[in-house]
Amino acid sequence: MNDHSQILVVSRDRMLLQTRKLILGTYLDVESAGRISEAGSILSKCAFDLIVLCDTLSNTERRQIAELVSDQRPKPTLLSLIGPGNHGEKPVVGRELPCIGGPLQLLRECADVLGFDLHTGSKQRTFNA
């Protein structure tokens, strides 16, 4: 793997999927899946640091993705995007991000989860004392 973190974006909306892949792909290595079966196929071949679950997915579909990666070590972070119609639908899988800040908010959140510095374009180093 290179210096970039690996992200899988899963969405049923192809246009949204491509847009998110282009935005995140500016800084990070991104794969995309438009169906749960496609995500399963990709996950069986590659390990990811972060999986973005778009608001177009139902909670059942989100749980299916979580089950697919439950045995992976290290376990990827799951980021569930929450759209206007998803509020109050619990439990949400993984970390929750309301879709109110647009693409820049998503990019910043992904960078934060992965410890990636958007200004330098590299992974932030952490040192143990």
C-alpha atoms as a PDB file:
ATOM      1  CA  MET A   1       0.000   0.000   0.000  1.00  0.00           C
ATOM      2  CA  ASN A   2       1.202   3.528  -0.693  1.00  0.00           C
ATOM      3  CA  ASP A   3       1.065   6.578   1.614  1.00  0.00           C
ATOM      4  CA  HIS A   4      -2.622   7.059   0.832  1.00  0.00           C
ATOM      5  CA  SER A   5      -5.340   5.467   2.893  1.00  0.00           C
ATOM      6  CA  GLN A   6      -7.771   3.118   1.207  1.00  0.00           C
ATOM      7  CA  ILE A   7     -11.463   4.108   1.138  1.00  0.00           C
ATOM      8  CA  LEU A   8     -14.497   2.235  -0.160  1.00  0.00           C
ATOM      9  CA  VAL A   9     -17.602   4.316  -0.875  1.00  0.00           C
ATOM     10  CA  VAL A  10     -20.895   2.403  -1.142  1.00  0.00           C
ATOM     11  CA  SER A  11     -24.041   4.034  -2.571  1.00  0.00           C
ATOM     12  CA  ARG A  12     -27.035   3.027  -4.667  1.00  0.00           C
ATOM     13  CA  ASP A  13     -26.988   6.428  -6.438  1.00  0.00           C
ATOM     14  CA  ARG A  14     -24.418   6.166  -9.269  1.00  0.00           C
ATOM     15  CA  MET A  15     -24.108   9.935  -9.806  1.00  0.00           C
ATOM     16  CA  LEU A  16     -23.568  10.579  -6.096  1.00  0.00           C
ATOM     17  CA  LEU A  17     -21.124   7.680  -5.958  1.00  0.00           C
ATOM     18  CA  GLN A  18     -19.033   9.093  -8.811  1.00  0.00           C
ATOM     19  CA  THR A  19     -19.084  12.596  -7.333  1.00  0.00           C
ATOM     20  CA  ARG A  20     -17.905  11.374  -3.929  1.00  0.00           C
ATOM     21  CA  LYS A  21     -15.243   9.206  -5.540  1.00  0.00           C
ATOM     22  CA  LEU A  22     -13.898  12.189  -7.521  1.00  0.00           C
ATOM     23  CA  ILE A  23     -13.830  14.490  -4.494  1.00  0.00           C
ATOM     24  CA  LEU A  24     -12.218  12.005  -2.110  1.00  0.00           C
ATOM     25  CA  GLY A  25      -9.940  10.680  -4.866  1.00  0.00           C
ATOM     26  CA  THR A  26      -8.205  14.050  -5.057  1.00  0.00           C
ATOM     27  CA  TYR A  27      -6.310  13.114  -1.875  1.00  0.00           C
ATOM     28  CA  LEU A  28      -7.072   9.479  -1.092  1.00  0.00           C
ATOM     29  CA  ASP A  29      -7.264   6.110  -2.850  1.00  0.00           C
ATOM     30  CA  VAL A  30     -10.959   5.411  -3.423  1.00  0.00           C
ATOM     31  CA  GLU A  31     -12.902   2.433  -4.723  1.00  0.00           C
ATOM     32  CA  SER A  32     -16.654   2.526  -5.202  1.00  0.00           C
ATOM     33  CA  ALA A  33     -19.523   0.059  -5.181  1.00  0.00           C
ATOM     34  CA  GLY A  34     -23.100   0.626  -6.335  1.00  0.00           C
ATOM     35  CA  ARG A  35     -24.519  -2.592  -4.880  1.00  0.00           C
ATOM     36  CA  ILE A  36     -23.987  -4.658  -1.757  1.00  0.00           C
ATOM     37  CA  SER A  37     -22.881  -7.629  -3.882  1.00  0.00           C
ATOM     38  CA  GLU A  38     -20.296  -5.436  -5.632  1.00  0.00           C
ATOM     39  CA  ALA A  39     -19.049  -4.182  -2.243  1.00  0.00           C
ATOM     40  CA  GLY A  40     -18.776  -7.791  -1.047  1.00  0.00           C
ATOM     41  CA  SER A  41     -16.694  -8.719  -4.068  1.00  0.00           C
ATOM     42  CA  ILE A  42     -14.349  -5.760  -3.575  1.00  0.00           C
ATOM     43  CA  LEU A  43     -14.047  -6.409   0.176  1.00  0.00           C
ATOM     44  CA  SER A  44     -13.110 -10.038  -0.446  1.00  0.00           C
ATOM     45  CA  LYS A  45     -10.069  -8.867  -2.457  1.00  0.00           C
ATOM     46  CA  CYS A  46      -8.943  -5.669  -0.700  1.00  0.00           C
ATOM     47  CA  ALA A  47      -8.605  -4.252   2.791  1.00  0.00           C
ATOM     48  CA  PHE A  48      -9.826  -0.726   3.463  1.00  0.00           C
ATOM     49  CA  ASP A  49      -9.091   1.786   6.196  1.00  0.00           C
ATOM     50  CA  LEU A  50     -12.462   3.514   5.847  1.00  0.00           C
ATOM     51  CA  ILE A  51     -15.807   2.517   4.375  1.00  0.00           C
ATOM     52  CA  VAL A  52     -18.227   5.346   3.621  1.00  0.00           C
ATOM     53  CA  LEU A  53     -21.855   4.203   3.713  1.00  0.00           C
ATOM     54  CA  CYS A  54     -23.948   6.726   1.805  1.00  0.00           C
ATOM     55  CA  ASP A  55     -27.340   7.907   2.923  1.00  0.00           C
ATOM     56  CA  THR A  56     -28.912   6.060  -0.025  1.00  0.00           C
ATOM     57  CA  LEU A  57     -28.340   2.768   1.834  1.00  0.00           C
ATOM     58  CA  SER A  58     -30.851   1.344   4.279  1.00  0.00           C
ATOM     59  CA  ASN A  59     -29.746   0.390   7.789  1.00  0.00           C
ATOM     60  CA  THR A  60     -30.132  -3.257   6.734  1.00  0.00           C
ATOM     61  CA  GLU A  61     -27.648  -2.698   3.900  1.00  0.00           C
ATOM     62  CA  ARG A  62     -25.295  -0.867   6.259  1.00  0.00           C
ATOM     63  CA  ARG A  63     -25.411  -3.810   8.674  1.00  0.00           C
ATOM     64  CA  GLN A  64     -24.662  -6.193   5.773  1.00  0.00           C
ATOM     65  CA  ILE A  65     -21.498  -4.222   4.979  1.00  0.00           C
ATOM     66  CA  ALA A  66     -20.540  -4.193   8.678  1.00  0.00           C
ATOM     67  CA  GLU A  67     -20.953  -7.983   8.775  1.00  0.00           C
ATOM     68  CA  LEU A  68     -18.724  -8.381   5.697  1.00  0.00           C
ATOM     69  CA  VAL A  69     -15.833  -6.642   7.484  1.00  0.00           C
ATOM     70  CA  SER A  70     -16.466  -7.866  11.035  1.00  0.00           C
ATOM     71  CA  ASP A  71     -13.568 -10.357  10.919  1.00  0.00           C
ATOM     72  CA  GLN A  72     -11.035  -8.058   9.236  1.00  0.00           C
ATOM     73  CA  ARG A  73      -7.983  -7.001  11.237  1.00  0.00           C
ATOM     74  CA  PRO A  74      -7.373  -4.184  11.466  1.00  0.00           C
ATOM     75  CA  LYS A  75     -11.058  -3.410  11.287  1.00  0.00           C
ATOM     76  CA  PRO A  76     -11.960  -0.549   8.941  1.00  0.00           C
ATOM     77  CA  THR A  77     -13.798   2.502  10.256  1.00  0.00           C
ATOM     78  CA  LEU A  78     -17.391   2.663   9.054  1.00  0.00           C
ATOM     79  CA  LEU A  79     -18.742   6.151   8.350  1.00  0.00           C
ATOM     80  CA  SER A  80     -22.526   6.334   7.900  1.00  0.00           C
ATOM     81  CA  LEU A  81     -23.706   9.432   6.080  1.00  0.00           C
ATOM     82  CA  ILE A  82     -27.066  10.545   7.429  1.00  0.00           C
ATOM     83  CA  GLY A  83     -29.393  12.365   5.026  1.00  0.00           C
ATOM     84  CA  PRO A  84     -32.525  14.329   5.901  1.00  0.00           C
ATOM     85  CA  GLY A  85     -34.726  11.218   5.705  1.00  0.00           C
ATOM     86  CA  ASN A  86     -32.467   9.111   7.959  1.00  0.00           C
ATOM     87  CA  HIS A  87     -32.614  11.153  11.178  1.00  0.00           C
ATOM     88  CA  GLY A  88     -34.027   9.208  14.095  1.00  0.00           C
ATOM     89  CA  GLU A  89     -33.447   5.847  12.396  1.00  0.00           C
ATOM     90  CA  LYS A  90     -31.346   3.965  14.946  1.00  0.00           C
ATOM     91  CA  PRO A  91     -29.040   2.220  15.387  1.00  0.00           C
ATOM     92  CA  VAL A  92     -26.743   3.663  12.778  1.00  0.00           C
ATOM     93  CA  VAL A  93     -23.747   1.538  11.807  1.00  0.00           C
ATOM     94  CA  GLY A  94     -20.359   3.005  12.722  1.00  0.00           C
ATOM     95  CA  ARG A  95     -19.521   6.659  13.012  1.00  0.00           C
ATOM     96  CA  GLU A  96     -22.333   9.036  12.026  1.00  0.00           C
ATOM     97  CA  LEU A  97     -21.985  12.105   9.765  1.00  0.00           C
ATOM     98  CA  PRO A  98     -25.025  14.261   8.911  1.00  0.00           C
ATOM     99  CA  CYS A  99     -24.996  15.312   5.233  1.00  0.00           C
ATOM    100  CA  ILE A 100     -25.396  19.026   5.836  1.00  0.00           C
ATOM    101  CA  GLY A 101     -21.925  20.400   5.101  1.00  0.00           C
ATOM    102  CA  GLY A 102     -21.549  19.149   1.558  1.00  0.00           C
ATOM    103  CA  PRO A 103     -18.509  17.585  -0.113  1.00  0.00           C
ATOM    104  CA  LEU A 104     -15.929  19.569   1.832  1.00  0.00           C
ATOM    105  CA  GLN A 105     -17.357  18.316   5.127  1.00  0.00           C
ATOM    106  CA  LEU A 106     -17.116  14.727   3.868  1.00  0.00           C
ATOM    107  CA  LEU A 107     -13.514  15.225   2.745  1.00  0.00           C
ATOM    108  CA  ARG A 108     -12.546  16.781   6.083  1.00  0.00           C
ATOM    109  CA  GLU A 109     -14.269  14.031   8.075  1.00  0.00           C
ATOM    110  CA  CYS A 110     -12.575  11.275   6.060  1.00  0.00           C
ATOM    111  CA  ALA A 111      -9.196  12.986   6.453  1.00  0.00           C
ATOM    112  CA  ASP A 112      -9.788  13.318  10.204  1.00  0.00           C
ATOM    113  CA  VAL A 113     -10.758   9.652  10.586  1.00  0.00           C
ATOM    114  CA  LEU A 114      -7.669   8.573   8.666  1.00  0.00           C
ATOM    115  CA  GLY A 115      -5.212  11.007  10.240  1.00  0.00           C
ATOM    116  CA  PHE A 116      -4.560  12.590   6.846  1.00  0.00           C
ATOM    117  CA  ASP A 117      -3.364  16.193   6.562  1.00  0.00           C
ATOM    118  CA  LEU A 118      -5.145  17.858   3.638  1.00  0.00           C
ATOM    119  CA  HIS A 119      -2.653  20.744   3.613  1.00  0.00           C
ATOM    120  CA  THR A 120       0.460  18.619   3.157  1.00  0.00           C
ATOM    121  CA  GLY A 121      -1.236  15.749   1.332  1.00  0.00           C
ATOM    122  CA  SER A 122       0.259  13.120   3.621  1.00  0.00           C
ATOM    123  CA  LYS A 123      -0.620  10.929   6.538  1.00  0.00           C
ATOM    124  CA  GLN A 124       0.040  12.587   9.876  1.00  0.00           C
ATOM    125  CA  ARG A 125       2.719  10.853  11.861  1.00  0.00           C
ATOM    126  CA  THR A 126       1.970   9.849  15.428  1.00  0.00           C
ATOM    127  CA  PHE A 127       4.770   9.251  17.885  1.00  0.00           C
ATOM    128  CA  ASN A 128       4.580   7.270  21.108  1.00  0.00           C
ATOM    129  CA  ALA A 129       6.267   8.904  24.086  1.00  0.00           C
END
